[in-house]
């Protein structure tokens, strides 16, 4: 599965809300798959990933919020000691994000500009 680095955060804080019904249903499938199969191999990618496939912000094959999400992606990679193109088990990557972002001030620094920040800030992290 291909994932943008900041989606390591979004997936763990997902509560069933999304941009629209189609995106939300798709997100629920991805989240469910990863929770049921934490040993899923993921590849950290630049640009649109498997989760973005149904996102209404994907326009012409690219994210309309590219600058914001590129910042978030880079910050997640730095915080977690990961790199684009890296193949890693979902459980390992999610664990790094929990430990190095959700359990530190990095969460606010990385996610404050996101429209979902308030919701995520009041949501417990789902542990696999």
C-alpha atoms as a PDB file:
ATOM      1  CA  UNK A   1       0.000   0.000   0.000  1.00  0.00           C
ATOM      2  CA  UNK A   2       1.307   3.459  -0.908  1.00  0.00           C
ATOM      3  CA  UNK A   3       0.862   6.163   1.727  1.00  0.00           C
ATOM      4  CA  UNK A   4       1.858   9.788   2.050  1.00  0.00           C
ATOM      5  CA  UNK A   5       3.828  10.253   5.284  1.00  0.00           C
ATOM      6  CA  UNK A   6       1.245  12.494   6.970  1.00  0.00           C
ATOM      7  CA  UNK A   7      -1.384   9.797   6.463  1.00  0.00           C
ATOM      8  CA  UNK A   8       0.425   7.857   9.206  1.00  0.00           C
ATOM      9  CA  UNK A   9      -1.262  10.414  11.461  1.00  0.00           C
ATOM     10  CA  UNK A  10      -4.651  10.753   9.785  1.00  0.00           C
ATOM     11  CA  UNK A  11      -5.324   7.026   9.727  1.00  0.00           C
ATOM     12  CA  UNK A  12      -4.659   6.663  13.453  1.00  0.00           C
ATOM     13  CA  UNK A  13      -6.970   9.552  14.366  1.00  0.00           C
ATOM     14  CA  UNK A  14      -9.786   8.710  11.933  1.00  0.00           C
ATOM     15  CA  UNK A  15     -13.245   8.824  13.546  1.00  0.00           C
ATOM     16  CA  UNK A  16     -15.504   8.394  10.525  1.00  0.00           C
ATOM     17  CA  UNK A  17     -15.478  11.984   9.304  1.00  0.00           C
ATOM     18  CA  UNK A  18     -14.255  12.979   5.862  1.00  0.00           C
ATOM     19  CA  UNK A  19     -14.490  15.428   3.004  1.00  0.00           C
ATOM     20  CA  UNK A  20     -17.528  13.708   1.501  1.00  0.00           C
ATOM     21  CA  UNK A  21     -19.361  10.348   1.645  1.00  0.00           C
ATOM     22  CA  UNK A  22     -17.290   8.693  -1.098  1.00  0.00           C
ATOM     23  CA  UNK A  23     -13.982   9.697   0.476  1.00  0.00           C
ATOM     24  CA  UNK A  24     -15.155   8.712   3.962  1.00  0.00           C
ATOM     25  CA  UNK A  25     -16.226   5.234   2.806  1.00  0.00           C
ATOM     26  CA  UNK A  26     -12.864   4.756   1.074  1.00  0.00           C
ATOM     27  CA  UNK A  27     -10.980   5.961   4.172  1.00  0.00           C
ATOM     28  CA  UNK A  28     -12.973   3.551   6.360  1.00  0.00           C
ATOM     29  CA  UNK A  29     -11.895   0.649   4.110  1.00  0.00           C
ATOM     30  CA  UNK A  30      -8.210   1.620   4.286  1.00  0.00           C
ATOM     31  CA  UNK A  31      -8.311   2.160   8.065  1.00  0.00           C
ATOM     32  CA  UNK A  32     -10.106  -1.152   8.581  1.00  0.00           C
ATOM     33  CA  UNK A  33      -7.625  -3.000   6.383  1.00  0.00           C
ATOM     34  CA  UNK A  34      -4.658  -1.623   8.320  1.00  0.00           C
ATOM     35  CA  UNK A  35      -6.233  -2.306  11.715  1.00  0.00           C
ATOM     36  CA  UNK A  36      -7.018  -5.886  10.694  1.00  0.00           C
ATOM     37  CA  UNK A  37      -3.585  -6.392   9.082  1.00  0.00           C
ATOM     38  CA  UNK A  38      -1.006  -4.340  11.015  1.00  0.00           C
ATOM     39  CA  UNK A  39       1.797  -6.221   9.255  1.00  0.00           C
ATOM     40  CA  UNK A  40       0.780  -4.661   5.924  1.00  0.00           C
ATOM     41  CA  UNK A  41       3.800  -3.416   3.986  1.00  0.00           C
ATOM     42  CA  UNK A  42       3.514   0.280   3.137  1.00  0.00           C
ATOM     43  CA  UNK A  43       5.646   2.454   0.881  1.00  0.00           C
ATOM     44  CA  UNK A  44       6.015   6.120   1.802  1.00  0.00           C
ATOM     45  CA  UNK A  45       5.345   8.137  -1.332  1.00  0.00           C
ATOM     46  CA  UNK A  46       5.471  11.718  -2.535  1.00  0.00           C
ATOM     47  CA  UNK A  47       2.215  12.961  -3.997  1.00  0.00           C
ATOM     48  CA  UNK A  48      -1.140  11.246  -4.165  1.00  0.00           C
ATOM     49  CA  UNK A  49      -1.349   7.797  -2.605  1.00  0.00           C
ATOM     50  CA  UNK A  50      -3.904   5.008  -2.191  1.00  0.00           C
ATOM     51  CA  UNK A  51      -5.867   7.042   0.349  1.00  0.00           C
ATOM     52  CA  UNK A  52      -6.010  10.084  -1.957  1.00  0.00           C
ATOM     53  CA  UNK A  53      -7.666   8.085  -4.726  1.00  0.00           C
ATOM     54  CA  UNK A  54     -11.166   9.257  -3.676  1.00  0.00           C
ATOM     55  CA  UNK A  55     -10.252  12.641  -2.197  1.00  0.00           C
ATOM     56  CA  UNK A  56     -12.135  15.637  -3.616  1.00  0.00           C
ATOM     57  CA  UNK A  57      -8.944  17.690  -3.156  1.00  0.00           C
ATOM     58  CA  UNK A  58      -7.234  15.561  -5.819  1.00  0.00           C
ATOM     59  CA  UNK A  59      -7.417  17.594  -8.987  1.00  0.00           C
ATOM     60  CA  UNK A  60      -5.638  16.643 -12.169  1.00  0.00           C
ATOM     61  CA  UNK A  61      -3.747  13.907 -10.329  1.00  0.00           C
ATOM     62  CA  UNK A  62      -2.357  16.275  -7.683  1.00  0.00           C
ATOM     63  CA  UNK A  63      -3.470  17.579  -4.300  1.00  0.00           C
ATOM     64  CA  UNK A  64      -4.980  21.061  -4.357  1.00  0.00           C
ATOM     65  CA  UNK A  65      -3.446  21.576  -0.878  1.00  0.00           C
ATOM     66  CA  UNK A  66       0.000  20.509  -2.037  1.00  0.00           C
ATOM     67  CA  UNK A  67       2.057  23.111  -0.163  1.00  0.00           C
ATOM     68  CA  UNK A  68       0.380  22.355   3.175  1.00  0.00           C
ATOM     69  CA  UNK A  69       0.534  18.566   2.853  1.00  0.00           C
ATOM     70  CA  UNK A  70       4.108  18.619   1.514  1.00  0.00           C
ATOM     71  CA  UNK A  71       5.138  20.466   4.702  1.00  0.00           C
ATOM     72  CA  UNK A  72       3.291  17.898   6.806  1.00  0.00           C
ATOM     73  CA  UNK A  73       4.824  14.983   4.894  1.00  0.00           C
ATOM     74  CA  UNK A  74       8.366  16.325   5.333  1.00  0.00           C
ATOM     75  CA  UNK A  75       7.817  16.984   9.028  1.00  0.00           C
ATOM     76  CA  UNK A  76       6.493  13.461   9.613  1.00  0.00           C
ATOM     77  CA  UNK A  77       9.466  11.937   7.799  1.00  0.00           C
ATOM     78  CA  UNK A  78      11.915  14.006   9.866  1.00  0.00           C
ATOM     79  CA  UNK A  79      10.168  13.281  13.151  1.00  0.00           C
ATOM     80  CA  UNK A  80       9.937   9.551  12.524  1.00  0.00           C
ATOM     81  CA  UNK A  81      13.350   9.065  10.920  1.00  0.00           C
ATOM     82  CA  UNK A  82      11.757   7.760   7.723  1.00  0.00           C
ATOM     83  CA  UNK A  83      12.286   8.558   4.029  1.00  0.00           C
ATOM     84  CA  UNK A  84      10.316   8.703   0.786  1.00  0.00           C
ATOM     85  CA  UNK A  85      10.416   5.371  -0.991  1.00  0.00           C
ATOM     86  CA  UNK A  86      10.959   3.475   2.241  1.00  0.00           C
ATOM     87  CA  UNK A  87       9.061   0.220   2.660  1.00  0.00           C
ATOM     88  CA  UNK A  88       7.986  -0.409   6.233  1.00  0.00           C
ATOM     89  CA  UNK A  89       5.360  -2.392   8.103  1.00  0.00           C
ATOM     90  CA  UNK A  90       2.275  -0.347   8.973  1.00  0.00           C
ATOM     91  CA  UNK A  91       2.537  -1.268  12.665  1.00  0.00           C
ATOM     92  CA  UNK A  92       6.152  -0.084  12.851  1.00  0.00           C
ATOM     93  CA  UNK A  93       5.501   3.212  11.048  1.00  0.00           C
ATOM     94  CA  UNK A  94       2.319   3.874  13.050  1.00  0.00           C
ATOM     95  CA  UNK A  95       4.189   3.173  16.284  1.00  0.00           C
ATOM     96  CA  UNK A  96       6.921   5.655  15.374  1.00  0.00           C
ATOM     97  CA  UNK A  97       4.288   8.296  14.600  1.00  0.00           C
ATOM     98  CA  UNK A  98       2.533   7.703  17.929  1.00  0.00           C
ATOM     99  CA  UNK A  99       5.763   7.860  19.925  1.00  0.00           C
ATOM    100  CA  UNK A 100       7.491  10.702  18.121  1.00  0.00           C
ATOM    101  CA  UNK A 101       4.544  12.895  17.099  1.00  0.00           C
ATOM    102  CA  UNK A 102       1.351  12.219  19.055  1.00  0.00           C
ATOM    103  CA  UNK A 103       3.209  11.900  22.365  1.00  0.00           C
ATOM    104  CA  UNK A 104       5.197  15.125  21.813  1.00  0.00           C
ATOM    105  CA  UNK A 105       4.697  18.750  20.786  1.00  0.00           C
ATOM    106  CA  UNK A 106       5.369  17.721  17.192  1.00  0.00           C
ATOM    107  CA  UNK A 107       1.650  16.993  16.683  1.00  0.00           C
ATOM    108  CA  UNK A 108       0.734  20.667  17.079  1.00  0.00           C
ATOM    109  CA  UNK A 109       3.691  21.828  14.997  1.00  0.00           C
ATOM    110  CA  UNK A 110       2.886  19.468  12.129  1.00  0.00           C
ATOM    111  CA  UNK A 111      -0.909  19.498  12.098  1.00  0.00           C
ATOM    112  CA  UNK A 112      -2.032  22.928  13.352  1.00  0.00           C
ATOM    113  CA  UNK A 113      -2.789  24.206   9.835  1.00  0.00           C
ATOM    114  CA  UNK A 114      -5.012  21.220   8.976  1.00  0.00           C
ATOM    115  CA  UNK A 115      -8.792  21.646   8.923  1.00  0.00           C
ATOM    116  CA  UNK A 116      -9.130  18.432  10.981  1.00  0.00           C
ATOM    117  CA  UNK A 117      -6.718  19.548  13.735  1.00  0.00           C
ATOM    118  CA  UNK A 118      -9.381  20.321  16.351  1.00  0.00           C
ATOM    119  CA  UNK A 119     -11.156  17.011  15.784  1.00  0.00           C
ATOM    120  CA  UNK A 120      -7.885  15.059  15.855  1.00  0.00           C
ATOM    121  CA  UNK A 121      -6.739  16.903  18.969  1.00  0.00           C
ATOM    122  CA  UNK A 122      -9.757  15.600  20.847  1.00  0.00           C
ATOM    123  CA  UNK A 123      -9.513  12.061  19.457  1.00  0.00           C
ATOM    124  CA  UNK A 124      -7.602   9.235  21.100  1.00  0.00           C
ATOM    125  CA  UNK A 125      -5.081   7.440  18.933  1.00  0.00           C
ATOM    126  CA  UNK A 126      -6.333   4.051  17.853  1.00  0.00           C
ATOM    127  CA  UNK A 127      -3.744   1.450  18.810  1.00  0.00           C
ATOM    128  CA  UNK A 128      -3.498  -1.582  16.564  1.00  0.00           C
END
